[in-house]
Amino acid sequence: MKLLDSKESIKNGKIDYLGEVYMTIILLMVIYVAFIGLGLPDSLFGPAWPAIYKEFNIPVSFQAFVTMTVTFGTILSSILSSKIINKVGTRNVVVVSTGLTVLGLLGFYLSNVFWLLIISAIPLGIGAGAIDSALNNYVAIHYKQVHMNFLHCFYGIGVTLSPYIMSMALSTDNNWKKGYMIAFFIQLSICLILVLSMPFME
């Protein structure tokens, strides 16, 4: 009887171990997808700007106001990220920050005056900085160095994909907002995936 119990416990232990391995791999895939979402907004604005400044009838140099707003938001959230992560946890930071980037992309899509672009750039920058810091920290703690390298490869996929999305939008009817709309729905899907994976992230 004890021998049977011992065999059963070993079997259950193997099943539990395999389950943990599978969940670790699935969570890593979700994090990779999140980094595609991190890269997605970064290369949208540059290709869209020629159409944007002509539509709003503003100087070309006004691009700097938007890009610097995103940059300052990213720097600020990166500096504060360690305190925020320690207080509310990595998974909450990742989900909320991805939600902020979704909000920012939606704001760009809905903008009909220039100052709304600057307002929309605030959540975009803050969200991007927090996601970057939180997921880099999480992967560094829970995974190997090779996984960190792949993490930034997936960021590159997002950065490469976004100009292609914008070029398709501009080539059809020169509608830069359509590019942001497509990016918004992709980012929203990624955010929903992160919400569903929250129970598996420590």
C-alpha atoms as a PDB file:
ATOM      1  CA  MET A   1       0.000   0.000   0.000  1.00  0.00           C
ATOM      2  CA  LYS A   2       2.854   2.376   0.922  1.00  0.00           C
ATOM      3  CA  LEU A   3       4.644   1.424  -2.302  1.00  0.00           C
ATOM      4  CA  LEU A   4       1.542   2.281  -4.335  1.00  0.00           C
ATOM      5  CA  ASP A   5       1.203   5.584  -2.497  1.00  0.00           C
ATOM      6  CA  SER A   6       4.854   6.331  -3.207  1.00  0.00           C
ATOM      7  CA  LYS A   7       4.475   5.599  -6.924  1.00  0.00           C
ATOM      8  CA  GLU A   8       1.327   7.716  -7.075  1.00  0.00           C
ATOM      9  CA  SER A   9       3.042  10.645  -5.359  1.00  0.00           C
ATOM     10  CA  ILE A  10       5.988  10.416  -7.793  1.00  0.00           C
ATOM     11  CA  LYS A  11       3.549  10.370 -10.713  1.00  0.00           C
ATOM     12  CA  ASN A  12       1.674  13.372  -9.342  1.00  0.00           C
ATOM     13  CA  GLY A  13       4.961  15.145  -8.752  1.00  0.00           C
ATOM     14  CA  LYS A  14       5.976  14.642 -12.379  1.00  0.00           C
ATOM     15  CA  ILE A  15       2.612  15.916 -13.580  1.00  0.00           C
ATOM     16  CA  ASP A  16       2.907  18.991 -11.354  1.00  0.00           C
ATOM     17  CA  TYR A  17       6.454  19.608 -12.593  1.00  0.00           C
ATOM     18  CA  LEU A  18       5.433  19.293 -16.252  1.00  0.00           C
ATOM     19  CA  GLY A  19       2.498  21.611 -15.611  1.00  0.00           C
ATOM     20  CA  GLU A  20       4.839  24.219 -14.122  1.00  0.00           C
ATOM     21  CA  VAL A  21       7.218  23.893 -17.082  1.00  0.00           C
ATOM     22  CA  TYR A  22       4.402  24.340 -19.597  1.00  0.00           C
ATOM     23  CA  MET A  23       3.015  27.349 -17.739  1.00  0.00           C
ATOM     24  CA  THR A  24       6.500  28.901 -17.571  1.00  0.00           C
ATOM     25  CA  ILE A  25       6.907  28.503 -21.327  1.00  0.00           C
ATOM     26  CA  ILE A  26       3.423  29.866 -22.054  1.00  0.00           C
ATOM     27  CA  LEU A  27       4.060  32.867 -19.786  1.00  0.00           C
ATOM     28  CA  LEU A  28       7.357  33.517 -21.583  1.00  0.00           C
ATOM     29  CA  MET A  29       5.513  33.514 -24.919  1.00  0.00           C
ATOM     30  CA  VAL A  30       3.016  36.019 -23.511  1.00  0.00           C
ATOM     31  CA  ILE A  31       5.884  38.258 -22.373  1.00  0.00           C
ATOM     32  CA  TYR A  32       7.390  38.063 -25.873  1.00  0.00           C
ATOM     33  CA  VAL A  33       4.060  39.131 -27.347  1.00  0.00           C
ATOM     34  CA  ALA A  34       3.933  42.005 -24.843  1.00  0.00           C
ATOM     35  CA  PHE A  35       7.297  43.211 -26.125  1.00  0.00           C
ATOM     36  CA  ILE A  36       5.970  43.177 -29.677  1.00  0.00           C
ATOM     37  CA  GLY A  37       3.307  45.532 -28.331  1.00  0.00           C
ATOM     38  CA  LEU A  38       6.006  47.645 -26.688  1.00  0.00           C
ATOM     39  CA  GLY A  39       7.750  48.148 -30.026  1.00  0.00           C
ATOM     40  CA  LEU A  40       4.581  48.683 -32.036  1.00  0.00           C
ATOM     41  CA  PRO A  41       3.924  52.380 -31.219  1.00  0.00           C
ATOM     42  CA  ASP A  42       7.589  53.386 -31.417  1.00  0.00           C
ATOM     43  CA  SER A  43       7.842  53.461 -35.209  1.00  0.00           C
ATOM     44  CA  LEU A  44       4.329  54.629 -36.080  1.00  0.00           C
ATOM     45  CA  PHE A  45       4.728  58.353 -35.599  1.00  0.00           C
ATOM     46  CA  GLY A  46       7.699  58.936 -37.908  1.00  0.00           C
ATOM     47  CA  PRO A  47       6.090  57.538 -41.077  1.00  0.00           C
ATOM     48  CA  ALA A  48       2.780  59.229 -40.194  1.00  0.00           C
ATOM     49  CA  TRP A  49       4.215  62.678 -39.506  1.00  0.00           C
ATOM     50  CA  PRO A  50       4.348  63.999 -43.122  1.00  0.00           C
ATOM     51  CA  ALA A  51       0.610  63.364 -43.410  1.00  0.00           C
ATOM     52  CA  ILE A  52      -0.090  64.685 -39.899  1.00  0.00           C
ATOM     53  CA  TYR A  53       1.620  68.065 -40.170  1.00  0.00           C
ATOM     54  CA  LYS A  54       0.024  68.728 -43.543  1.00  0.00           C
ATOM     55  CA  GLU A  55      -3.428  67.841 -42.231  1.00  0.00           C
ATOM     56  CA  PHE A  56      -3.066  70.054 -39.134  1.00  0.00           C
ATOM     57  CA  ASN A  57      -1.242  72.783 -41.075  1.00  0.00           C
ATOM     58  CA  ILE A  58       1.620  73.055 -38.579  1.00  0.00           C
ATOM     59  CA  PRO A  59       5.418  73.340 -38.948  1.00  0.00           C
ATOM     60  CA  VAL A  60       7.458  70.173 -39.484  1.00  0.00           C
ATOM     61  CA  SER A  61       9.466  70.966 -36.342  1.00  0.00           C
ATOM     62  CA  PHE A  62       6.393  70.460 -34.135  1.00  0.00           C
ATOM     63  CA  GLN A  63       7.134  66.745 -34.302  1.00  0.00           C
ATOM     64  CA  ALA A  64       9.614  67.341 -31.479  1.00  0.00           C
ATOM     65  CA  PHE A  65       6.837  68.303 -29.047  1.00  0.00           C
ATOM     66  CA  VAL A  66       5.204  64.897 -29.436  1.00  0.00           C
ATOM     67  CA  THR A  67       8.376  62.819 -29.408  1.00  0.00           C
ATOM     68  CA  MET A  68       9.802  64.640 -26.382  1.00  0.00           C
ATOM     69  CA  THR A  69       6.535  64.157 -24.487  1.00  0.00           C
ATOM     70  CA  VAL A  70       6.760  60.411 -25.120  1.00  0.00           C
ATOM     71  CA  THR A  71      10.437  60.431 -24.127  1.00  0.00           C
ATOM     72  CA  PHE A  72       9.875  62.324 -20.864  1.00  0.00           C
ATOM     73  CA  GLY A  73       6.985  59.994 -19.977  1.00  0.00           C
ATOM     74  CA  THR A  74       9.159  56.953 -20.631  1.00  0.00           C
ATOM     75  CA  ILE A  75      12.032  58.330 -18.521  1.00  0.00           C
ATOM     76  CA  LEU A  76       9.735  59.270 -15.646  1.00  0.00           C
ATOM     77  CA  SER A  77       7.995  55.888 -15.468  1.00  0.00           C
ATOM     78  CA  SER A  78      11.317  54.050 -15.784  1.00  0.00           C
ATOM     79  CA  ILE A  79      12.757  55.983 -12.821  1.00  0.00           C
ATOM     80  CA  LEU A  80       9.695  55.302 -10.666  1.00  0.00           C
ATOM     81  CA  SER A  81       9.112  51.736 -11.863  1.00  0.00           C
ATOM     82  CA  SER A  82      11.052  49.930  -9.112  1.00  0.00           C
ATOM     83  CA  LYS A  83       9.035  51.600  -6.344  1.00  0.00           C
ATOM     84  CA  ILE A  84       5.756  50.981  -8.157  1.00  0.00           C
ATOM     85  CA  ILE A  85       6.604  47.319  -8.901  1.00  0.00           C
ATOM     86  CA  ASN A  86       7.523  46.689  -5.246  1.00  0.00           C
ATOM     87  CA  LYS A  87       4.247  48.265  -4.149  1.00  0.00           C
ATOM     88  CA  VAL A  88       1.673  46.780  -6.553  1.00  0.00           C
ATOM     89  CA  GLY A  89       3.511  43.896  -8.246  1.00  0.00           C
ATOM     90  CA  THR A  90       4.825  43.217 -11.731  1.00  0.00           C
ATOM     91  CA  ARG A  91       1.624  41.830 -13.225  1.00  0.00           C
ATOM     92  CA  ASN A  92      -0.449  44.856 -12.224  1.00  0.00           C
ATOM     93  CA  VAL A  93       2.173  47.241 -13.590  1.00  0.00           C
ATOM     94  CA  VAL A  94       2.371  45.352 -16.893  1.00  0.00           C
ATOM     95  CA  VAL A  95      -1.392  45.195 -17.440  1.00  0.00           C
ATOM     96  CA  VAL A  96      -2.070  48.823 -16.439  1.00  0.00           C
ATOM     97  CA  SER A  97       0.891  50.091 -18.470  1.00  0.00           C
ATOM     98  CA  THR A  98      -0.202  48.183 -21.560  1.00  0.00           C
ATOM     99  CA  GLY A  99      -3.653  49.662 -21.028  1.00  0.00           C
ATOM    100  CA  LEU A 100      -2.070  53.134 -21.006  1.00  0.00           C
ATOM    101  CA  THR A 101      -0.427  52.473 -24.377  1.00  0.00           C
ATOM    102  CA  VAL A 102      -3.806  51.305 -25.706  1.00  0.00           C
ATOM    103  CA  LEU A 103      -5.317  54.578 -24.450  1.00  0.00           C
ATOM    104  CA  GLY A 104      -2.508  56.561 -26.080  1.00  0.00           C
ATOM    105  CA  LEU A 105      -2.954  54.874 -29.459  1.00  0.00           C
ATOM    106  CA  LEU A 106      -6.704  55.473 -29.266  1.00  0.00           C
ATOM    107  CA  GLY A 107      -5.997  59.130 -28.500  1.00  0.00           C
ATOM    108  CA  PHE A 108      -3.802  59.453 -31.586  1.00  0.00           C
ATOM    109  CA  TYR A 109      -6.532  57.885 -33.697  1.00  0.00           C
ATOM    110  CA  LEU A 110      -9.186  60.272 -32.349  1.00  0.00           C
ATOM    111  CA  SER A 111      -7.036  63.420 -32.467  1.00  0.00           C
ATOM    112  CA  ASN A 112      -8.326  66.168 -34.737  1.00  0.00           C
ATOM    113  CA  VAL A 113      -6.095  68.954 -33.394  1.00  0.00           C
ATOM    114  CA  PHE A 114      -2.376  68.958 -32.656  1.00  0.00           C
ATOM    115  CA  TRP A 115      -2.545  69.457 -28.896  1.00  0.00           C
ATOM    116  CA  LEU A 116      -4.528  66.225 -28.542  1.00  0.00           C
ATOM    117  CA  LEU A 117      -1.528  64.379 -29.964  1.00  0.00           C
ATOM    118  CA  ILE A 118       0.598  65.778 -27.148  1.00  0.00           C
ATOM    119  CA  ILE A 119      -2.019  64.753 -24.548  1.00  0.00           C
ATOM    120  CA  SER A 120      -2.164  61.249 -26.064  1.00  0.00           C
ATOM    121  CA  ALA A 121       1.629  61.011 -25.995  1.00  0.00           C
ATOM    122  CA  ILE A 122       1.630  61.185 -22.177  1.00  0.00           C
ATOM    123  CA  PRO A 123       0.025  57.760 -21.472  1.00  0.00           C
ATOM    124  CA  LEU A 124       1.912  56.306 -24.426  1.00  0.00           C
ATOM    125  CA  GLY A 125       5.278  57.297 -22.945  1.00  0.00           C
ATOM    126  CA  ILE A 126       4.437  56.412 -19.349  1.00  0.00           C
ATOM    127  CA  GLY A 127       3.051  53.026 -20.359  1.00  0.00           C
ATOM    128  CA  ALA A 128       6.024  52.167 -22.562  1.00  0.00           C
ATOM    129  CA  GLY A 129       8.587  52.970 -19.876  1.00  0.00           C
ATOM    130  CA  ALA A 130       6.792  50.967 -17.198  1.00  0.00           C
ATOM    131  CA  ILE A 131       6.298  47.912 -19.426  1.00  0.00           C
ATOM    132  CA  ASP A 132       9.947  47.968 -20.444  1.00  0.00           C
ATOM    133  CA  SER A 133      11.244  48.158 -16.874  1.00  0.00           C
ATOM    134  CA  ALA A 134       8.787  45.667 -15.395  1.00  0.00           C
ATOM    135  CA  LEU A 135       9.220  42.919 -17.992  1.00  0.00           C
ATOM    136  CA  ASN A 136      12.988  43.306 -18.251  1.00  0.00           C
ATOM    137  CA  ASN A 137      13.178  42.925 -14.482  1.00  0.00           C
ATOM    138  CA  TYR A 138      10.811  39.930 -14.473  1.00  0.00           C
ATOM    139  CA  VAL A 139      12.679  38.054 -17.212  1.00  0.00           C
ATOM    140  CA  ALA A 140      16.057  38.819 -15.598  1.00  0.00           C
ATOM    141  CA  ILE A 141      14.869  37.278 -12.316  1.00  0.00           C
ATOM    142  CA  HIS A 142      12.866  34.273 -13.574  1.00  0.00           C
ATOM    143  CA  TYR A 143      14.492  33.271 -16.875  1.00  0.00           C
ATOM    144  CA  LYS A 144      17.907  32.782 -18.462  1.00  0.00           C
ATOM    145  CA  GLN A 145      20.051  35.285 -20.325  1.00  0.00           C
ATOM    146  CA  VAL A 146      19.097  33.828 -23.706  1.00  0.00           C
ATOM    147  CA  HIS A 147      15.456  34.607 -22.986  1.00  0.00           C
ATOM    148  CA  MET A 148      16.384  38.235 -22.345  1.00  0.00           C
ATOM    149  CA  ASN A 149      18.050  38.364 -25.754  1.00  0.00           C
ATOM    150  CA  PHE A 150      14.951  36.940 -27.431  1.00  0.00           C
ATOM    151  CA  LEU A 151      12.833  39.443 -25.513  1.00  0.00           C
ATOM    152  CA  HIS A 152      14.501  42.328 -27.311  1.00  0.00           C
ATOM    153  CA  CYS A 153      14.263  40.462 -30.621  1.00  0.00           C
ATOM    154  CA  PHE A 154      10.490  40.538 -30.217  1.00  0.00           C
ATOM    155  CA  TYR A 155      10.665  44.261 -29.490  1.00  0.00           C
ATOM    156  CA  GLY A 156      12.394  44.527 -32.855  1.00  0.00           C
ATOM    157  CA  ILE A 157       9.493  42.700 -34.485  1.00  0.00           C
ATOM    158  CA  GLY A 158       7.086  45.330 -33.158  1.00  0.00           C
ATOM    159  CA  VAL A 159       9.305  48.200 -34.286  1.00  0.00           C
ATOM    160  CA  THR A 160       9.627  46.627 -37.746  1.00  0.00           C
ATOM    161  CA  LEU A 161       5.922  45.863 -38.055  1.00  0.00           C
ATOM    162  CA  SER A 162       4.572  49.330 -37.242  1.00  0.00           C
ATOM    163  CA  PRO A 163       6.036  51.249 -40.247  1.00  0.00           C
ATOM    164  CA  TYR A 164       4.628  48.540 -42.500  1.00  0.00           C
ATOM    165  CA  ILE A 165       1.183  49.011 -40.930  1.00  0.00           C
ATOM    166  CA  MET A 166       1.385  52.778 -41.357  1.00  0.00           C
ATOM    167  CA  SER A 167       2.646  52.523 -44.947  1.00  0.00           C
ATOM    168  CA  MET A 168      -0.339  50.312 -45.835  1.00  0.00           C
ATOM    169  CA  ALA A 169      -2.721  52.872 -44.288  1.00  0.00           C
ATOM    170  CA  LEU A 170      -1.063  55.763 -46.120  1.00  0.00           C
ATOM    171  CA  SER A 171      -0.872  53.954 -49.455  1.00  0.00           C
ATOM    172  CA  THR A 172      -4.632  53.323 -49.634  1.00  0.00           C
ATOM    173  CA  ASP A 173      -6.125  56.758 -48.951  1.00  0.00           C
ATOM    174  CA  ASN A 174      -3.316  58.647 -47.153  1.00  0.00           C
ATOM    175  CA  ASN A 175      -5.186  58.109 -43.887  1.00  0.00           C
ATOM    176  CA  TRP A 176      -2.638  58.022 -41.053  1.00  0.00           C
ATOM    177  CA  LYS A 177      -5.425  57.520 -38.498  1.00  0.00           C
ATOM    178  CA  LYS A 178      -6.188  54.124 -40.008  1.00  0.00           C
ATOM    179  CA  GLY A 179      -2.649  53.042 -39.133  1.00  0.00           C
ATOM    180  CA  TYR A 180      -3.193  54.049 -35.519  1.00  0.00           C
ATOM    181  CA  MET A 181      -6.560  52.292 -35.496  1.00  0.00           C
ATOM    182  CA  ILE A 182      -4.939  49.010 -36.613  1.00  0.00           C
ATOM    183  CA  ALA A 183      -2.192  49.407 -34.009  1.00  0.00           C
ATOM    184  CA  PHE A 184      -4.839  50.160 -31.364  1.00  0.00           C
ATOM    185  CA  PHE A 185      -6.690  46.903 -31.995  1.00  0.00           C
ATOM    186  CA  ILE A 186      -3.459  44.880 -31.999  1.00  0.00           C
ATOM    187  CA  GLN A 187      -2.403  46.476 -28.718  1.00  0.00           C
ATOM    188  CA  LEU A 188      -5.855  45.960 -27.228  1.00  0.00           C
ATOM    189  CA  SER A 189      -5.632  42.253 -28.081  1.00  0.00           C
ATOM    190  CA  ILE A 190      -2.227  42.047 -26.409  1.00  0.00           C
ATOM    191  CA  CYS A 191      -3.633  43.787 -23.334  1.00  0.00           C
ATOM    192  CA  LEU A 192      -6.464  41.235 -23.102  1.00  0.00           C
ATOM    193  CA  ILE A 193      -3.942  38.385 -23.381  1.00  0.00           C
ATOM    194  CA  LEU A 194      -1.964  39.915 -20.510  1.00  0.00           C
ATOM    195  CA  VAL A 195      -5.105  40.229 -18.391  1.00  0.00           C
ATOM    196  CA  LEU A 196      -5.853  36.519 -18.925  1.00  0.00           C
ATOM    197  CA  SER A 197      -2.270  35.563 -18.034  1.00  0.00           C
ATOM    198  CA  MET A 198      -2.196  37.606 -14.820  1.00  0.00           C
ATOM    199  CA  PRO A 199      -2.855  34.623 -12.488  1.00  0.00           C
ATOM    200  CA  PHE A 200       0.323  32.909 -13.745  1.00  0.00           C
ATOM    201  CA  MET A 201       2.672  35.860 -13.173  1.00  0.00           C
ATOM    202  CA  GLU A 202       4.196  36.265  -9.725  1.00  0.00           C
END
